[in-house]
C-alpha atoms as a PDB file:
ATOM      1  CA  MET A   1      93.243  91.985 107.825  1.00  0.00           C
ATOM      2  CA  ARG A   2      95.775  90.034 105.909  1.00  0.00           C
ATOM      3  CA  ASP A   3      98.826  89.993 108.133  1.00  0.00           C
ATOM      4  CA  TYR A   4     100.415  90.959 111.436  1.00  0.00           C
ATOM      5  CA  ASP A   5     101.361  94.468 110.302  1.00  0.00           C
ATOM      6  CA  GLU A   6      97.775  95.264 109.336  1.00  0.00           C
ATOM      7  CA  ALA A   7      96.493  93.827 112.607  1.00  0.00           C
ATOM      8  CA  LYS A   8      99.045  95.844 114.558  1.00  0.00           C
ATOM      9  CA  ALA A   9      97.901  99.034 112.799  1.00  0.00           C
ATOM     10  CA  SER A  10      94.214  98.505 113.632  1.00  0.00           C
ATOM     11  CA  ASP A  11      92.383 101.060 115.764  1.00  0.00           C
ATOM     12  CA  ALA A  12      91.814  99.376 119.141  1.00  0.00           C
ATOM     13  CA  ASP A  13      90.003 102.419 120.540  1.00  0.00           C
ATOM     14  CA  LEU A  14      87.544 102.394 117.658  1.00  0.00           C
ATOM     15  CA  PHE A  15      86.844  98.702 118.190  1.00  0.00           C
ATOM     16  CA  ALA A  16      86.364  99.353 121.926  1.00  0.00           C
ATOM     17  CA  ARG A  17      83.723 101.986 121.130  1.00  0.00           C
ATOM     18  CA  PHE A  18      81.932  99.528 118.844  1.00  0.00           C
ATOM     19  CA  PHE A  19      82.244  96.672 121.346  1.00  0.00           C
ATOM     20  CA  HIS A  20      80.835  98.712 124.249  1.00  0.00           C
ATOM     21  CA  GLY A  21      78.078 100.178 122.081  1.00  0.00           C
ATOM     22  CA  MET A  22      76.967  96.685 121.152  1.00  0.00           C
ATOM     23  CA  LEU A  23      77.240  95.543 124.756  1.00  0.00           C
ATOM     24  CA  ASP A  24      75.067  98.491 125.843  1.00  0.00           C
ATOM     25  CA  ARG A  25      72.441  97.243 123.390  1.00  0.00           C
ATOM     26  CA  GLY A  26      72.538  93.695 124.746  1.00  0.00           C
ATOM     27  CA  ILE A  27      74.740  92.205 122.032  1.00  0.00           C
ATOM     28  CA  PHE A  28      77.633  90.252 123.517  1.00  0.00           C
ATOM     29  CA  LEU A  29      80.643  90.097 121.180  1.00  0.00           C
ATOM     30  CA  ALA A  30      84.038  88.554 121.696  1.00  0.00           C
ATOM     31  CA  PRO A  31      86.152  91.216 123.438  1.00  0.00           C
ATOM     32  CA  SER A  32      88.923  91.107 120.833  1.00  0.00           C
ATOM     33  CA  ALA A  33      88.793  92.730 117.408  1.00  0.00           C
ATOM     34  CA  PHE A  34      90.632  89.679 116.093  1.00  0.00           C
ATOM     35  CA  GLU A  35      87.912  87.130 116.840  1.00  0.00           C
ATOM     36  CA  SER A  36      84.970  86.100 114.680  1.00  0.00           C
ATOM     37  CA  MET A  37      81.263  85.814 115.327  1.00  0.00           C
ATOM     38  CA  PHE A  38      79.454  82.626 114.401  1.00  0.00           C
ATOM     39  CA  PRO A  39      75.672  82.452 114.308  1.00  0.00           C
ATOM     40  CA  SER A  40      74.189  79.086 115.162  1.00  0.00           C
ATOM     41  CA  LEU A  41      70.842  77.368 114.902  1.00  0.00           C
ATOM     42  CA  ALA A  42      70.123  78.670 118.407  1.00  0.00           C
ATOM     43  CA  HIS A  43      69.993  82.209 116.951  1.00  0.00           C
ATOM     44  CA  THR A  44      66.592  83.110 115.581  1.00  0.00           C
ATOM     45  CA  ASP A  45      65.961  85.430 112.658  1.00  0.00           C
ATOM     46  CA  ALA A  46      64.885  87.996 115.255  1.00  0.00           C
ATOM     47  CA  ASP A  47      68.245  87.632 117.061  1.00  0.00           C
ATOM     48  CA  ILE A  48      70.142  88.224 113.833  1.00  0.00           C
ATOM     49  CA  ASP A  49      67.916  91.161 112.867  1.00  0.00           C
ATOM     50  CA  ALA A  50      68.451  92.708 116.317  1.00  0.00           C
ATOM     51  CA  THR A  51      72.219  92.285 115.990  1.00  0.00           C
ATOM     52  CA  ILE A  52      72.238  93.928 112.571  1.00  0.00           C
ATOM     53  CA  ALA A  53      70.041  96.793 113.789  1.00  0.00           C
ATOM     54  CA  ALA A  54      72.283  97.338 116.820  1.00  0.00           C
ATOM     55  CA  ALA A  55      75.394  97.331 114.633  1.00  0.00           C
ATOM     56  CA  HIS A  56      73.857  99.936 112.302  1.00  0.00           C
ATOM     57  CA  ASP A  57      72.961 102.094 115.299  1.00  0.00           C
ATOM     58  CA  VAL A  58      76.379 101.780 116.916  1.00  0.00           C
ATOM     59  CA  LEU A  59      78.268 102.371 113.678  1.00  0.00           C
ATOM     60  CA  ALA A  60      76.176 105.495 112.992  1.00  0.00           C
ATOM     61  CA  SER A  61      76.989 106.780 116.489  1.00  0.00           C
ATOM     62  CA  VAL A  62      80.680 106.038 116.063  1.00  0.00           C
ATOM     63  CA  ALA A  63      80.730 107.736 112.643  1.00  0.00           C
ATOM     64  CA  ALA A  64      78.986 110.778 114.111  1.00  0.00           C
ATOM     65  CA  GLY A  65      81.557 110.941 116.900  1.00  0.00           C
ATOM     66  CA  VAL A  66      79.009 110.322 119.640  1.00  0.00           C
END
């Protein structure tokens, strides 16, 4: 997003579906679509791989309308 108007037009329901899908898979994201995620040295390669796999799974479910 580049500005307030774009942020205001974002789909909060779609983000909520993604957020809860990730939460159901044990991935804890910031509860706002306007926040960032920052990996740290505490995150292992396995943690990052699991996050990516969960995101692929959730996004596929959201795209399929599940």
